[in-house]
Amino acid sequence: MSSELKPSTVLRRSLLIGAALLLAGCQARPLYHDVNAIGETRGALAAISYSDAKSRIGLETRNRLLFLTSGGKESATPEYRVELAVSGGVTGILLDKEADTPNAGRASVVGTYTLKRISDDTVLKTGRRTAVALFDYPRQQFARLRAVRDAETRAARELAEIIYADLAMTLGR
């Protein structure tokens, strides 16, 4: 008993095999990927020291930057220095007209930073970035205070991510 394949089955199988061969060559990496450059950038990011924080949101931003660049520890021999100034504020939005109180708020955090090479005191990058976190105002007073604090923390961490991307781009060149 001979089994003959229909032309549609042969075509379907050959298309499936062809697609599998095409996908086998796909790789998820940058086109101009240089392993040495990535290692050098990570090393340069780990060699950054940060200025002291002057506020709670500044400390949140600084700590997140330390974690992102070096895993959370300060560099023993820094090659670069980042002067970081962070400020923030909270505004109420979506006012309840009857009670004259806001139902939602916006926590904005602004960070100004300067990246310098320590050896020759050259300024490599200066920037000003902003991050915003939205939140709801609960009716309870403590819950309201906590919501504001959590929103400021989220905005500070987001700001750190943005500054980290700027630093990585600058040191990766």
C-alpha atoms as a PDB file:
ATOM      1  CA  MET A   1       0.000   0.000   0.000  1.00  0.00           C
ATOM      2  CA  SER A   2       1.642   3.172  -1.167  1.00  0.00           C
ATOM      3  CA  SER A   3       0.814   6.468   0.472  1.00  0.00           C
ATOM      4  CA  GLU A   4       0.801   9.369  -1.892  1.00  0.00           C
ATOM      5  CA  LEU A   5       0.884  12.899  -0.500  1.00  0.00           C
ATOM      6  CA  LYS A   6      -1.393  15.480  -1.966  1.00  0.00           C
ATOM      7  CA  PRO A   7       0.309  18.476  -3.578  1.00  0.00           C
ATOM      8  CA  SER A   8      -1.271  20.801  -0.960  1.00  0.00           C
ATOM      9  CA  THR A   9       0.218  18.737   1.889  1.00  0.00           C
ATOM     10  CA  VAL A  10       3.679  18.799   0.270  1.00  0.00           C
ATOM     11  CA  LEU A  11       3.416  22.553  -0.251  1.00  0.00           C
ATOM     12  CA  ARG A  12       2.294  23.093   3.343  1.00  0.00           C
ATOM     13  CA  ARG A  13       5.185  21.006   4.712  1.00  0.00           C
ATOM     14  CA  SER A  14       7.779  22.697   2.524  1.00  0.00           C
ATOM     15  CA  LEU A  15       6.527  26.166   3.583  1.00  0.00           C
ATOM     16  CA  LEU A  16       6.699  25.107   7.226  1.00  0.00           C
ATOM     17  CA  ILE A  17      10.256  23.818   6.844  1.00  0.00           C
ATOM     18  CA  GLY A  18      11.273  26.971   4.949  1.00  0.00           C
ATOM     19  CA  ALA A  19       9.806  29.226   7.647  1.00  0.00           C
ATOM     20  CA  ALA A  20      11.582  27.201  10.354  1.00  0.00           C
ATOM     21  CA  LEU A  21      14.903  27.603   8.522  1.00  0.00           C
ATOM     22  CA  LEU A  22      14.390  31.351   8.128  1.00  0.00           C
ATOM     23  CA  LEU A  23      13.519  31.794  11.805  1.00  0.00           C
ATOM     24  CA  ALA A  24      16.520  29.720  12.873  1.00  0.00           C
ATOM     25  CA  GLY A  25      18.790  32.502  11.583  1.00  0.00           C
ATOM     26  CA  CYS A  26      17.042  35.221  13.606  1.00  0.00           C
ATOM     27  CA  GLN A  27      18.850  36.579  16.639  1.00  0.00           C
ATOM     28  CA  ALA A  28      17.760  39.157  19.166  1.00  0.00           C
ATOM     29  CA  ARG A  29      20.751  41.473  19.466  1.00  0.00           C
ATOM     30  CA  PRO A  30      21.757  44.882  18.142  1.00  0.00           C
ATOM     31  CA  LEU A  31      23.060  45.040  14.595  1.00  0.00           C
ATOM     32  CA  TYR A  32      26.349  46.708  15.565  1.00  0.00           C
ATOM     33  CA  HIS A  33      26.820  44.721  18.754  1.00  0.00           C
ATOM     34  CA  ASP A  34      30.258  45.053  20.339  1.00  0.00           C
ATOM     35  CA  VAL A  35      30.735  42.958  23.468  1.00  0.00           C
ATOM     36  CA  ASN A  36      33.859  44.881  24.534  1.00  0.00           C
ATOM     37  CA  ALA A  37      32.071  48.241  24.308  1.00  0.00           C
ATOM     38  CA  ILE A  38      29.245  46.974  26.534  1.00  0.00           C
ATOM     39  CA  GLY A  39      31.739  45.729  29.107  1.00  0.00           C
ATOM     40  CA  GLU A  40      33.584  49.059  29.034  1.00  0.00           C
ATOM     41  CA  THR A  41      30.336  50.986  29.463  1.00  0.00           C
ATOM     42  CA  ARG A  42      29.306  48.855  32.444  1.00  0.00           C
ATOM     43  CA  GLY A  43      32.720  49.369  33.992  1.00  0.00           C
ATOM     44  CA  ALA A  44      32.519  53.118  33.460  1.00  0.00           C
ATOM     45  CA  LEU A  45      29.023  53.237  34.971  1.00  0.00           C
ATOM     46  CA  ALA A  46      30.234  51.308  38.007  1.00  0.00           C
ATOM     47  CA  ALA A  47      33.030  53.881  38.469  1.00  0.00           C
ATOM     48  CA  ILE A  48      30.657  56.798  39.135  1.00  0.00           C
ATOM     49  CA  SER A  49      30.363  58.523  42.491  1.00  0.00           C
ATOM     50  CA  TYR A  50      27.278  60.569  43.318  1.00  0.00           C
ATOM     51  CA  SER A  51      26.878  63.711  45.385  1.00  0.00           C
ATOM     52  CA  ASP A  52      25.042  63.477  48.698  1.00  0.00           C
ATOM     53  CA  ALA A  53      21.275  63.801  48.680  1.00  0.00           C
ATOM     54  CA  LYS A  54      19.571  66.718  50.398  1.00  0.00           C
ATOM     55  CA  SER A  55      16.000  65.382  50.515  1.00  0.00           C
ATOM     56  CA  ARG A  56      14.090  62.123  50.728  1.00  0.00           C
ATOM     57  CA  ILE A  57      13.271  62.074  47.018  1.00  0.00           C
ATOM     58  CA  GLY A  58      16.883  62.969  46.255  1.00  0.00           C
ATOM     59  CA  LEU A  59      17.977  59.993  48.335  1.00  0.00           C
ATOM     60  CA  GLU A  60      15.522  57.712  46.516  1.00  0.00           C
ATOM     61  CA  THR A  61      16.904  58.874  43.167  1.00  0.00           C
ATOM     62  CA  ARG A  62      20.531  58.540  44.286  1.00  0.00           C
ATOM     63  CA  ASN A  63      19.999  55.052  45.713  1.00  0.00           C
ATOM     64  CA  ARG A  64      18.261  53.856  42.553  1.00  0.00           C
ATOM     65  CA  LEU A  65      21.092  55.248  40.425  1.00  0.00           C
ATOM     66  CA  LEU A  66      23.621  53.452  42.617  1.00  0.00           C
ATOM     67  CA  PHE A  67      21.702  50.213  42.176  1.00  0.00           C
ATOM     68  CA  LEU A  68      21.409  50.617  38.407  1.00  0.00           C
ATOM     69  CA  THR A  69      25.039  51.554  37.798  1.00  0.00           C
ATOM     70  CA  SER A  70      26.953  49.385  40.258  1.00  0.00           C
ATOM     71  CA  GLY A  71      24.546  47.010  41.927  1.00  0.00           C
ATOM     72  CA  GLY A  72      24.143  49.177  45.012  1.00  0.00           C
ATOM     73  CA  LYS A  73      27.688  49.736  46.220  1.00  0.00           C
ATOM     74  CA  GLU A  74      29.758  52.890  46.037  1.00  0.00           C
ATOM     75  CA  SER A  75      32.841  52.817  43.835  1.00  0.00           C
ATOM     76  CA  ALA A  76      36.117  52.581  45.777  1.00  0.00           C
ATOM     77  CA  THR A  77      38.052  54.293  42.966  1.00  0.00           C
ATOM     78  CA  PRO A  78      35.610  56.525  41.082  1.00  0.00           C
ATOM     79  CA  GLU A  79      36.576  57.848  37.675  1.00  0.00           C
ATOM     80  CA  TYR A  80      33.480  60.011  37.222  1.00  0.00           C
ATOM     81  CA  ARG A  81      31.401  62.223  39.495  1.00  0.00           C
ATOM     82  CA  VAL A  82      27.724  63.114  39.176  1.00  0.00           C
ATOM     83  CA  GLU A  83      26.512  66.248  40.922  1.00  0.00           C
ATOM     84  CA  LEU A  84      22.816  65.588  41.412  1.00  0.00           C
ATOM     85  CA  ALA A  85      20.163  68.013  42.643  1.00  0.00           C
ATOM     86  CA  VAL A  86      16.609  66.692  42.956  1.00  0.00           C
ATOM     87  CA  SER A  87      13.486  68.626  43.879  1.00  0.00           C
ATOM     88  CA  GLY A  88       9.826  67.806  43.743  1.00  0.00           C
ATOM     89  CA  GLY A  89       6.319  68.968  44.337  1.00  0.00           C
ATOM     90  CA  VAL A  90       2.740  67.750  44.504  1.00  0.00           C
ATOM     91  CA  THR A  91      -0.277  69.354  42.894  1.00  0.00           C
ATOM     92  CA  GLY A  92      -3.942  68.441  43.169  1.00  0.00           C
ATOM     93  CA  ILE A  93      -5.921  67.802  40.022  1.00  0.00           C
ATOM     94  CA  LEU A  94      -9.537  66.780  39.313  1.00  0.00           C
ATOM     95  CA  LEU A  95     -11.129  69.000  41.924  1.00  0.00           C
ATOM     96  CA  ASP A  96     -14.379  67.930  43.561  1.00  0.00           C
ATOM     97  CA  LYS A  97     -16.488  71.095  43.267  1.00  0.00           C
ATOM     98  CA  GLU A  98     -18.814  70.241  46.166  1.00  0.00           C
ATOM     99  CA  ALA A  99     -16.110  69.482  48.732  1.00  0.00           C
ATOM    100  CA  ASP A 100     -13.480  71.782  47.140  1.00  0.00           C
ATOM    101  CA  THR A 101     -10.840  69.052  47.530  1.00  0.00           C
ATOM    102  CA  PRO A 102      -8.802  67.226  44.896  1.00  0.00           C
ATOM    103  CA  ASN A 103      -9.613  63.609  44.013  1.00  0.00           C
ATOM    104  CA  ALA A 104      -6.295  62.977  42.285  1.00  0.00           C
ATOM    105  CA  GLY A 105      -2.809  64.380  42.399  1.00  0.00           C
ATOM    106  CA  ARG A 106       0.399  64.658  40.445  1.00  0.00           C
ATOM    107  CA  ALA A 107       3.850  64.242  41.981  1.00  0.00           C
ATOM    108  CA  SER A 108       6.555  65.868  39.846  1.00  0.00           C
ATOM    109  CA  VAL A 109      10.259  65.293  40.448  1.00  0.00           C
ATOM    110  CA  VAL A 110      12.930  67.350  38.681  1.00  0.00           C
ATOM    111  CA  GLY A 111      16.559  66.292  38.603  1.00  0.00           C
ATOM    112  CA  THR A 112      19.494  68.389  37.439  1.00  0.00           C
ATOM    113  CA  TYR A 113      22.794  66.591  37.031  1.00  0.00           C
ATOM    114  CA  THR A 114      26.332  67.134  35.793  1.00  0.00           C
ATOM    115  CA  LEU A 115      28.645  64.262  34.839  1.00  0.00           C
ATOM    116  CA  LYS A 116      32.342  65.099  35.230  1.00  0.00           C
ATOM    117  CA  ARG A 117      35.503  63.115  34.653  1.00  0.00           C
ATOM    118  CA  ILE A 118      37.475  63.313  37.899  1.00  0.00           C
ATOM    119  CA  SER A 119      40.962  63.095  36.354  1.00  0.00           C
ATOM    120  CA  ASP A 120      40.765  66.359  34.388  1.00  0.00           C
ATOM    121  CA  ASP A 121      37.493  67.849  35.721  1.00  0.00           C
ATOM    122  CA  THR A 122      35.931  67.800  32.255  1.00  0.00           C
ATOM    123  CA  VAL A 123      32.149  68.128  32.062  1.00  0.00           C
ATOM    124  CA  LEU A 124      30.862  65.291  29.889  1.00  0.00           C
ATOM    125  CA  LYS A 125      27.122  65.792  30.226  1.00  0.00           C
ATOM    126  CA  THR A 126      24.722  68.210  31.853  1.00  0.00           C
ATOM    127  CA  GLY A 127      21.034  67.574  31.928  1.00  0.00           C
ATOM    128  CA  ARG A 128      17.683  68.338  33.490  1.00  0.00           C
ATOM    129  CA  ARG A 129      15.051  65.644  33.532  1.00  0.00           C
ATOM    130  CA  THR A 130      11.520  65.428  34.907  1.00  0.00           C
ATOM    131  CA  ALA A 131       9.386  62.488  35.984  1.00  0.00           C
ATOM    132  CA  VAL A 132       5.707  62.514  36.959  1.00  0.00           C
ATOM    133  CA  ALA A 133       3.611  60.028  38.925  1.00  0.00           C
ATOM    134  CA  LEU A 134      -0.163  60.287  39.257  1.00  0.00           C
ATOM    135  CA  PHE A 135      -2.096  59.131  42.320  1.00  0.00           C
ATOM    136  CA  ASP A 136      -5.558  59.194  43.918  1.00  0.00           C
ATOM    137  CA  TYR A 137      -6.328  61.033  47.142  1.00  0.00           C
ATOM    138  CA  PRO A 138      -8.045  58.688  49.600  1.00  0.00           C
ATOM    139  CA  ARG A 139     -10.398  60.104  52.238  1.00  0.00           C
ATOM    140  CA  GLN A 140      -8.300  59.053  55.234  1.00  0.00           C
ATOM    141  CA  GLN A 141      -5.547  61.464  56.207  1.00  0.00           C
ATOM    142  CA  PHE A 142      -2.782  58.881  56.753  1.00  0.00           C
ATOM    143  CA  ALA A 143      -3.666  57.074  53.529  1.00  0.00           C
ATOM    144  CA  ARG A 144      -3.494  60.413  51.721  1.00  0.00           C
ATOM    145  CA  LEU A 145      -0.017  61.126  53.128  1.00  0.00           C
ATOM    146  CA  ARG A 146       1.123  57.640  52.180  1.00  0.00           C
ATOM    147  CA  ALA A 147      -0.263  57.989  48.638  1.00  0.00           C
ATOM    148  CA  VAL A 148       1.693  61.221  48.180  1.00  0.00           C
ATOM    149  CA  ARG A 149       4.882  59.622  49.498  1.00  0.00           C
ATOM    150  CA  ASP A 150       4.502  56.542  47.298  1.00  0.00           C
ATOM    151  CA  ALA A 151       3.914  58.711  44.217  1.00  0.00           C
ATOM    152  CA  GLU A 152       7.032  60.757  44.985  1.00  0.00           C
ATOM    153  CA  THR A 153       9.020  57.539  45.351  1.00  0.00           C
ATOM    154  CA  ARG A 154       7.732  56.209  42.018  1.00  0.00           C
ATOM    155  CA  ALA A 155       8.594  59.479  40.292  1.00  0.00           C
ATOM    156  CA  ALA A 156      12.084  59.525  41.865  1.00  0.00           C
ATOM    157  CA  ARG A 157      12.777  55.983  40.673  1.00  0.00           C
ATOM    158  CA  GLU A 158      11.551  56.817  37.194  1.00  0.00           C
ATOM    159  CA  LEU A 159      13.800  59.883  37.189  1.00  0.00           C
ATOM    160  CA  ALA A 160      16.754  57.658  38.117  1.00  0.00           C
ATOM    161  CA  GLU A 161      15.985  55.353  35.183  1.00  0.00           C
ATOM    162  CA  ILE A 162      15.956  58.315  32.786  1.00  0.00           C
ATOM    163  CA  ILE A 163      19.224  59.731  34.160  1.00  0.00           C
ATOM    164  CA  TYR A 164      20.791  56.256  34.024  1.00  0.00           C
ATOM    165  CA  ALA A 165      19.932  56.019  30.321  1.00  0.00           C
ATOM    166  CA  ASP A 166      21.569  59.422  29.719  1.00  0.00           C
ATOM    167  CA  LEU A 167      24.696  58.406  31.634  1.00  0.00           C
ATOM    168  CA  ALA A 168      24.957  55.082  29.800  1.00  0.00           C
ATOM    169  CA  MET A 169      24.562  56.796  26.447  1.00  0.00           C
ATOM    170  CA  THR A 170      27.229  59.381  27.300  1.00  0.00           C
ATOM    171  CA  LEU A 171      29.769  56.886  28.650  1.00  0.00           C
ATOM    172  CA  GLY A 172      29.058  54.406  25.858  1.00  0.00           C
ATOM    173  CA  ARG A 173      30.376  56.731  23.169  1.00  0.00           C
END
